[in-house]
């Protein structure tokens, strides 16, 4: 009997991390999930606890990380990912991108494991190049409120490449663009759950600025497919993984109203500081290297996402998702 490959997934109780746990178990891996549950939720992986090839570690990766036995792959997805979260825990956000990444690179070196780092389109900041290609260096305000997230990811890429070049470590870097699907947190400040939550509660939809800023939304199954292909590829430089189909926030709000059959108004509020005005990946490299591009249409993907949110209880729909981060802010 062939011994199963073992993969460590950090941030495993989060939206994208939990879907990666599903994917790797389905691929025949033994999955070691790790999360400190600051923003993750055990309900996202509760269905996996009966699987003999799944185990969970409640641990903060900014502390020393030890996992007994061999590890073949590491996927580092531990990080606050929504503006509400990383603006409330700015220091923890910086630490998970720096100390956490350092710890996991060290673990990968010790175990002779290949590691994939979850970077983000935020490394491009408010881009002056459109669409964004991997060779664009970005336009980031290092001292702005979003800088704690943007610079954590940029440092994460730098130290990963340093380990690759200096230690010969097998590394992969995914620049992830807006991803959506079931298990997103309802009130985490990101566009899709914010709009759907407002629609389900009968509230007006909030659009920031004039609504002409753009985003490009990738369904989670497409995202995990791209990430899996990148992990098993032979390419060590950053690769954009996202959907190049661009839409304005205003058009998307109107799309949500049609999807949810809502009759609320769209209201406008000031645009947050450093909020990107354009976000669209150039995925030429992913198409060439990975033979990958998104397959899911936004119409079907959004219907699946809406069906998931419709299944929430009234208590879940109205409760605040904003956790008490005060203890972590003191660190």
Protein backbone atom coordinates (compact mmCIF):
# COMPACT_ATOMS: atom_id res chain seq x y z
CA UNK A 1 0.00 0.00 0.00
CA UNK A 2 1.41 3.40 -1.01
CA UNK A 3 2.01 5.74 1.92
CA UNK A 4 -0.13 8.87 1.77
CA UNK A 5 1.47 12.25 1.24
CA UNK A 6 1.08 14.59 4.23
CA UNK A 7 0.18 18.25 3.84
CA UNK A 8 0.08 20.96 6.52
CA UNK A 9 -2.50 23.69 5.85
CA UNK A 10 -2.38 26.79 8.06
CA UNK A 11 -5.44 29.02 8.35
CA UNK A 12 -7.33 25.78 7.81
CA UNK A 13 -10.53 26.85 9.58
CA UNK A 14 -10.91 29.90 7.38
CA UNK A 15 -12.91 30.20 4.17
CA UNK A 16 -10.26 29.25 1.64
CA UNK A 17 -8.24 27.05 4.01
CA UNK A 18 -11.24 24.83 4.74
CA UNK A 19 -11.88 24.28 1.04
CA UNK A 20 -8.23 23.35 0.59
CA UNK A 21 -8.61 20.75 3.36
CA UNK A 22 -11.52 19.25 1.40
CA UNK A 23 -9.56 19.27 -1.83
CA UNK A 24 -6.45 17.58 -0.46
CA UNK A 25 -8.41 14.89 1.38
CA UNK A 26 -10.25 14.19 -1.87
CA UNK A 27 -6.87 13.94 -3.62
CA UNK A 28 -5.81 11.20 -1.19
CA UNK A 29 -3.57 13.25 1.12
CA UNK A 30 -3.32 13.11 4.88
CA UNK A 31 -4.22 16.63 6.02
CA UNK A 32 -2.84 18.36 9.10
CA UNK A 33 -4.91 21.49 9.71
CA UNK A 34 -3.64 24.37 11.85
CA UNK A 35 -5.48 27.51 12.97
CA UNK A 36 -5.53 29.77 16.04
CA UNK A 37 -9.23 30.56 15.36
CA UNK A 38 -8.81 34.33 15.61
CA UNK A 39 -10.81 34.72 12.41
CA UNK A 40 -11.33 31.07 11.46
CA UNK A 41 -14.27 28.96 12.63
CA UNK A 42 -14.30 25.26 13.49
CA UNK A 43 -17.71 24.88 11.83
CA UNK A 44 -15.92 25.21 8.47
CA UNK A 45 -14.03 21.97 9.08
CA UNK A 46 -16.41 20.20 11.50
CA UNK A 47 -17.43 17.75 8.76
CA UNK A 48 -13.81 16.54 8.53
CA UNK A 49 -13.17 15.56 12.15
CA UNK A 50 -14.43 12.01 11.60
CA UNK A 51 -11.96 11.47 8.76
CA UNK A 52 -9.06 9.28 9.91
CA UNK A 53 -6.68 11.17 7.61
CA UNK A 54 -7.52 14.59 9.08
CA UNK A 55 -6.13 16.11 12.26
CA UNK A 56 -6.39 19.59 13.72
CA UNK A 57 -3.85 21.63 15.69
CA UNK A 58 -5.11 24.72 17.54
CA UNK A 59 -1.96 26.79 17.25
CA UNK A 60 -0.70 30.29 16.43
CA UNK A 61 1.97 30.06 13.70
CA UNK A 62 3.69 33.20 14.99
CA UNK A 63 4.90 30.91 17.79
CA UNK A 64 7.32 28.04 17.11
CA UNK A 65 5.64 25.42 14.91
CA UNK A 66 6.30 21.72 15.49
CA UNK A 67 4.55 18.88 13.70
CA UNK A 68 5.78 15.33 14.34
CA UNK A 69 6.55 13.03 11.46
CA UNK A 70 7.19 13.76 7.82
CA UNK A 71 5.55 16.59 5.90
CA UNK A 72 5.58 16.64 2.12
CA UNK A 73 3.81 19.96 1.52
CA UNK A 74 2.93 23.10 3.46
CA UNK A 75 0.27 25.61 2.41
CA UNK A 76 0.51 28.82 4.42
CA UNK A 77 -2.93 30.47 4.45
CA UNK A 78 -2.94 31.82 8.00
CA UNK A 79 -3.75 35.53 7.95
CA UNK A 80 -6.66 37.89 8.50
CA UNK A 81 -7.98 38.53 5.00
CA UNK A 82 -10.71 41.13 5.37
CA UNK A 83 -10.27 44.87 6.02
CA UNK A 84 -12.43 44.71 9.15
CA UNK A 85 -10.14 42.06 10.65
CA UNK A 86 -6.72 43.36 9.73
CA UNK A 87 -7.60 46.92 10.70
CA UNK A 88 -8.63 45.67 14.14
CA UNK A 89 -5.59 43.41 14.63
CA UNK A 90 -2.86 45.23 12.69
CA UNK A 91 0.08 43.92 14.71
CA UNK A 92 -1.10 40.31 14.58
CA UNK A 93 -1.57 40.71 10.81
CA UNK A 94 2.01 41.87 10.41
CA UNK A 95 3.30 39.10 12.67
CA UNK A 96 1.54 36.25 10.85
CA UNK A 97 2.95 37.50 7.55
CA UNK A 98 6.46 37.87 8.93
CA UNK A 99 7.11 35.68 12.00
CA UNK A 100 4.53 33.12 10.92
CA UNK A 101 5.99 32.82 7.44
CA UNK A 102 9.51 32.60 8.87
CA UNK A 103 8.47 29.78 11.20
CA UNK A 104 6.82 27.81 8.41
CA UNK A 105 9.71 28.29 6.01
CA UNK A 106 11.96 26.95 8.76
CA UNK A 107 9.64 23.96 9.19
CA UNK A 108 9.65 23.35 5.44
CA UNK A 109 13.46 23.41 5.47
CA UNK A 110 13.59 20.98 8.42
CA UNK A 111 11.11 18.57 6.79
CA UNK A 112 12.43 19.02 3.24
CA UNK A 113 8.88 19.97 2.26
CA UNK A 114 7.60 22.09 -0.59
CA UNK A 115 5.77 25.20 0.64
CA UNK A 116 3.14 27.32 -1.10
CA UNK A 117 2.64 30.84 0.26
CA UNK A 118 -0.72 32.57 -0.06
CA UNK A 119 0.12 36.05 -1.24
CA UNK A 120 -2.55 38.36 -2.58
CA UNK A 121 -3.44 40.94 -5.19
CA UNK A 122 -2.97 43.49 -2.41
CA UNK A 123 0.78 43.43 -3.13
CA UNK A 124 -0.15 45.57 -6.15
CA UNK A 125 -1.79 48.20 -3.90
CA UNK A 126 -3.85 50.73 -5.84
CA UNK A 127 -2.37 49.72 -9.20
CA UNK A 128 -1.18 52.06 -11.91
CA UNK A 129 -1.00 49.14 -14.35
CA UNK A 130 -4.16 47.43 -15.56
CA UNK A 131 -4.69 44.52 -15.66
CA UNK A 132 -2.06 43.50 -13.13
CA UNK A 133 0.79 41.27 -14.31
CA UNK A 134 3.23 39.44 -12.07
CA UNK A 135 6.12 41.69 -13.12
CA UNK A 136 4.34 44.83 -11.84
CA UNK A 137 5.91 45.98 -8.55
CA UNK A 138 2.82 47.72 -7.21
CA UNK A 139 1.73 51.06 -5.76
CA UNK A 140 1.45 50.57 -2.00
CA UNK A 141 1.17 53.09 0.82
CA UNK A 142 3.42 51.50 3.45
CA UNK A 143 2.13 53.69 6.30
CA UNK A 144 -1.56 53.76 5.37
CA UNK A 145 -4.16 51.73 7.29
CA UNK A 146 -4.07 48.94 4.70
CA UNK A 147 -0.27 48.82 4.79
CA UNK A 148 -0.29 46.29 7.64
CA UNK A 149 -1.81 43.72 5.30
CA UNK A 150 -0.18 44.80 2.04
CA UNK A 151 3.33 44.96 3.47
CA UNK A 152 2.91 41.70 5.42
CA UNK A 153 2.22 39.99 2.11
CA UNK A 154 5.06 41.75 0.30
CA UNK A 155 7.52 40.77 3.06
CA UNK A 156 6.11 37.24 2.89
CA UNK A 157 7.05 37.04 -0.78
CA UNK A 158 10.54 38.45 -0.13
CA UNK A 159 11.47 36.03 2.65
CA UNK A 160 10.04 33.12 0.68
CA UNK A 161 12.26 33.94 -2.29
CA UNK A 162 15.23 34.38 0.07
CA UNK A 163 14.71 30.85 1.41
CA UNK A 164 14.35 29.57 -2.14
CA UNK A 165 17.54 31.23 -3.36
CA UNK A 166 19.71 30.83 -0.26
CA UNK A 167 18.57 27.43 1.03
CA UNK A 168 17.33 25.91 -2.22
CA UNK A 169 13.89 25.42 -0.65
CA UNK A 170 11.06 24.32 -2.94
CA UNK A 171 8.68 27.32 -2.78
CA UNK A 172 5.57 28.48 -4.62
CA UNK A 173 3.88 31.90 -4.40
CA UNK A 174 0.21 32.39 -5.30
CA UNK A 175 -1.10 35.93 -5.73
CA UNK A 176 -4.75 35.35 -4.95
CA UNK A 177 -7.41 37.73 -6.26
CA UNK A 178 -10.93 38.14 -4.83
CA UNK A 179 -12.36 34.69 -4.16
CA UNK A 180 -15.90 33.82 -3.11
CA UNK A 181 -18.16 30.89 -2.29
CA UNK A 182 -19.76 29.02 0.62
CA UNK A 183 -18.23 29.47 4.11
CA UNK A 184 -17.36 33.13 3.69
CA UNK A 185 -18.05 35.03 6.89
CA UNK A 186 -21.21 37.05 6.53
CA UNK A 187 -20.13 40.38 7.98
CA UNK A 188 -16.38 40.38 7.44
CA UNK A 189 -16.36 43.54 5.33
CA UNK A 190 -15.72 41.95 1.94
CA UNK A 191 -17.97 42.89 -0.94
CA UNK A 192 -19.93 39.70 -1.57
CA UNK A 193 -20.89 38.71 1.99
CA UNK A 194 -21.55 42.37 2.82
CA UNK A 195 -23.99 42.80 -0.07
CA UNK A 196 -25.73 39.45 0.45
CA UNK A 197 -26.02 40.00 4.20
CA UNK A 198 -27.58 43.43 3.67
CA UNK A 199 -30.00 42.02 1.10
CA UNK A 200 -31.09 39.14 3.34
CA UNK A 201 -31.64 41.50 6.28
CA UNK A 202 -33.66 43.92 4.13
CA UNK A 203 -31.06 46.68 4.42
CA UNK A 204 -29.92 49.08 1.72
CA UNK A 205 -26.73 48.02 -0.05
CA UNK A 206 -23.70 50.15 0.80
CA UNK A 207 -21.43 51.16 -2.06
CA UNK A 208 -18.27 53.09 -1.24
CA UNK A 209 -17.16 55.95 -3.47
CA UNK A 210 -18.97 56.29 -6.79
CA UNK A 211 -19.06 52.52 -7.28
CA UNK A 212 -17.01 52.66 -10.45
CA UNK A 213 -14.05 50.90 -8.84
CA UNK A 214 -13.69 47.35 -10.16
CA UNK A 215 -13.17 43.86 -8.78
CA UNK A 216 -12.77 40.43 -10.37
CA UNK A 217 -14.37 37.51 -8.52
CA UNK A 218 -13.13 33.91 -8.68
CA UNK A 219 -15.26 31.02 -7.43
CA UNK A 220 -13.59 28.97 -4.69
CA UNK A 221 -13.50 25.68 -6.63
CA UNK A 222 -11.64 27.38 -9.46
CA UNK A 223 -9.27 28.96 -6.95
CA UNK A 224 -8.41 25.68 -5.24
CA UNK A 225 -7.83 24.04 -8.62
CA UNK A 226 -5.38 26.79 -9.57
CA UNK A 227 -3.61 26.54 -6.22
CA UNK A 228 -3.29 22.77 -6.47
CA UNK A 229 -1.81 23.02 -9.95
CA UNK A 230 0.64 25.69 -8.83
CA UNK A 231 1.77 23.57 -5.87
CA UNK A 232 2.66 20.59 -8.06
CA UNK A 233 4.24 22.76 -10.78
CA UNK A 234 7.95 23.52 -11.14
CA UNK A 235 7.60 27.32 -11.00
CA UNK A 236 8.92 29.28 -8.02
CA UNK A 237 8.06 32.90 -8.91
CA UNK A 238 4.67 34.51 -8.14
CA UNK A 239 1.62 33.51 -10.20
CA UNK A 240 -1.71 35.35 -10.32
CA UNK A 241 -4.63 33.06 -9.49
CA UNK A 242 -7.93 34.83 -10.10
CA UNK A 243 -10.74 35.49 -12.54
CA UNK A 244 -10.02 38.19 -15.15
CA UNK A 245 -13.72 38.97 -15.64
CA UNK A 246 -13.98 42.52 -14.29
CA UNK A 247 -17.10 44.27 -12.96
CA UNK A 248 -17.73 47.61 -11.26
CA UNK A 249 -18.93 47.53 -7.68
CA UNK A 250 -22.06 49.46 -8.66
CA UNK A 251 -22.95 46.96 -11.39
CA UNK A 252 -22.27 44.14 -8.98
CA UNK A 253 -24.57 45.66 -6.35
CA UNK A 254 -27.35 45.78 -8.93
CA UNK A 255 -26.58 42.17 -9.83
CA UNK A 256 -26.97 41.18 -6.17
CA UNK A 257 -30.33 42.94 -5.95
CA UNK A 258 -31.55 40.92 -8.94
CA UNK A 259 -30.14 37.67 -7.55
CA UNK A 260 -31.74 38.15 -4.14
CA UNK A 261 -34.96 39.61 -5.59
CA UNK A 262 -34.52 42.53 -3.22
CA UNK A 263 -36.05 45.99 -3.55
CA UNK A 264 -33.68 47.95 -1.35
CA UNK A 265 -31.83 51.02 -2.48
CA UNK A 266 -28.13 51.43 -3.11
CA UNK A 267 -26.59 54.03 -0.79
CA UNK A 268 -23.18 55.63 -1.20
CA UNK A 269 -20.52 56.27 1.44
CA UNK A 270 -17.01 57.78 1.23
CA UNK A 271 -14.32 55.55 -0.23
CA UNK A 272 -11.92 54.19 2.45
CA UNK A 273 -8.32 55.38 2.29
CA UNK A 274 -6.12 53.50 -0.22
CA UNK A 275 -9.02 51.34 -1.41
CA UNK A 276 -7.92 50.04 -4.85
CA UNK A 277 -9.81 51.56 -7.77
CA UNK A 278 -9.07 48.70 -10.16
CA UNK A 279 -8.46 45.04 -9.56
CA UNK A 280 -8.13 42.62 -12.47
CA UNK A 281 -5.58 39.82 -12.81
CA UNK A 282 -3.66 39.08 -15.95
CA UNK A 283 -3.63 35.27 -15.89
CA UNK A 284 -1.56 34.72 -19.02
CA UNK A 285 1.14 33.07 -16.92
CA UNK A 286 -1.30 30.72 -15.15
CA UNK A 287 -2.81 29.71 -18.49
CA UNK A 288 0.62 28.95 -19.93
CA UNK A 289 2.30 27.30 -16.93
CA UNK A 290 -0.62 25.56 -15.26
CA UNK A 291 -3.08 25.12 -18.14
CA UNK A 292 -5.54 26.78 -15.78
CA UNK A 293 -8.30 29.34 -16.05
CA UNK A 294 -11.60 29.77 -14.19
CA UNK A 295 -14.52 27.65 -15.38
CA UNK A 296 -17.36 28.74 -13.10
CA UNK A 297 -19.63 31.51 -14.37
CA UNK A 298 -20.41 34.27 -11.89
CA UNK A 299 -24.14 33.59 -12.33
CA UNK A 300 -23.86 29.98 -11.14
CA UNK A 301 -21.18 30.69 -8.53
CA UNK A 302 -23.16 33.53 -7.00
CA UNK A 303 -26.32 31.40 -6.91
CA UNK A 304 -24.44 28.70 -4.98
CA UNK A 305 -23.03 31.31 -2.63
CA UNK A 306 -26.44 32.91 -2.09
CA UNK A 307 -27.98 29.49 -1.40
CA UNK A 308 -25.36 28.94 1.30
CA UNK A 309 -26.13 32.25 3.00
CA UNK A 310 -29.89 31.65 2.73
CA UNK A 311 -29.33 28.51 4.80
CA UNK A 312 -28.02 30.48 7.78
CA UNK A 313 -30.22 30.77 10.84
CA UNK A 314 -31.81 34.10 11.76
CA UNK A 315 -29.39 34.34 14.69
CA UNK A 316 -26.40 33.83 12.38
CA UNK A 317 -27.78 36.37 9.92
CA UNK A 318 -28.10 39.13 12.50
CA UNK A 319 -25.26 38.42 14.89
CA UNK A 320 -22.06 40.44 14.70
CA UNK A 321 -19.10 38.60 13.21
CA UNK A 322 -16.70 41.11 14.73
CA UNK A 323 -14.76 39.17 17.33
CA UNK A 324 -13.14 40.69 20.38
CA UNK A 325 -9.55 41.18 19.26
CA UNK A 326 -8.45 43.23 22.28
CA UNK A 327 -6.15 40.54 23.68
CA UNK A 328 -4.38 40.10 20.36
CA UNK A 329 -3.94 43.84 19.93
CA UNK A 330 -1.87 43.94 23.11
CA UNK A 331 0.66 41.51 21.65
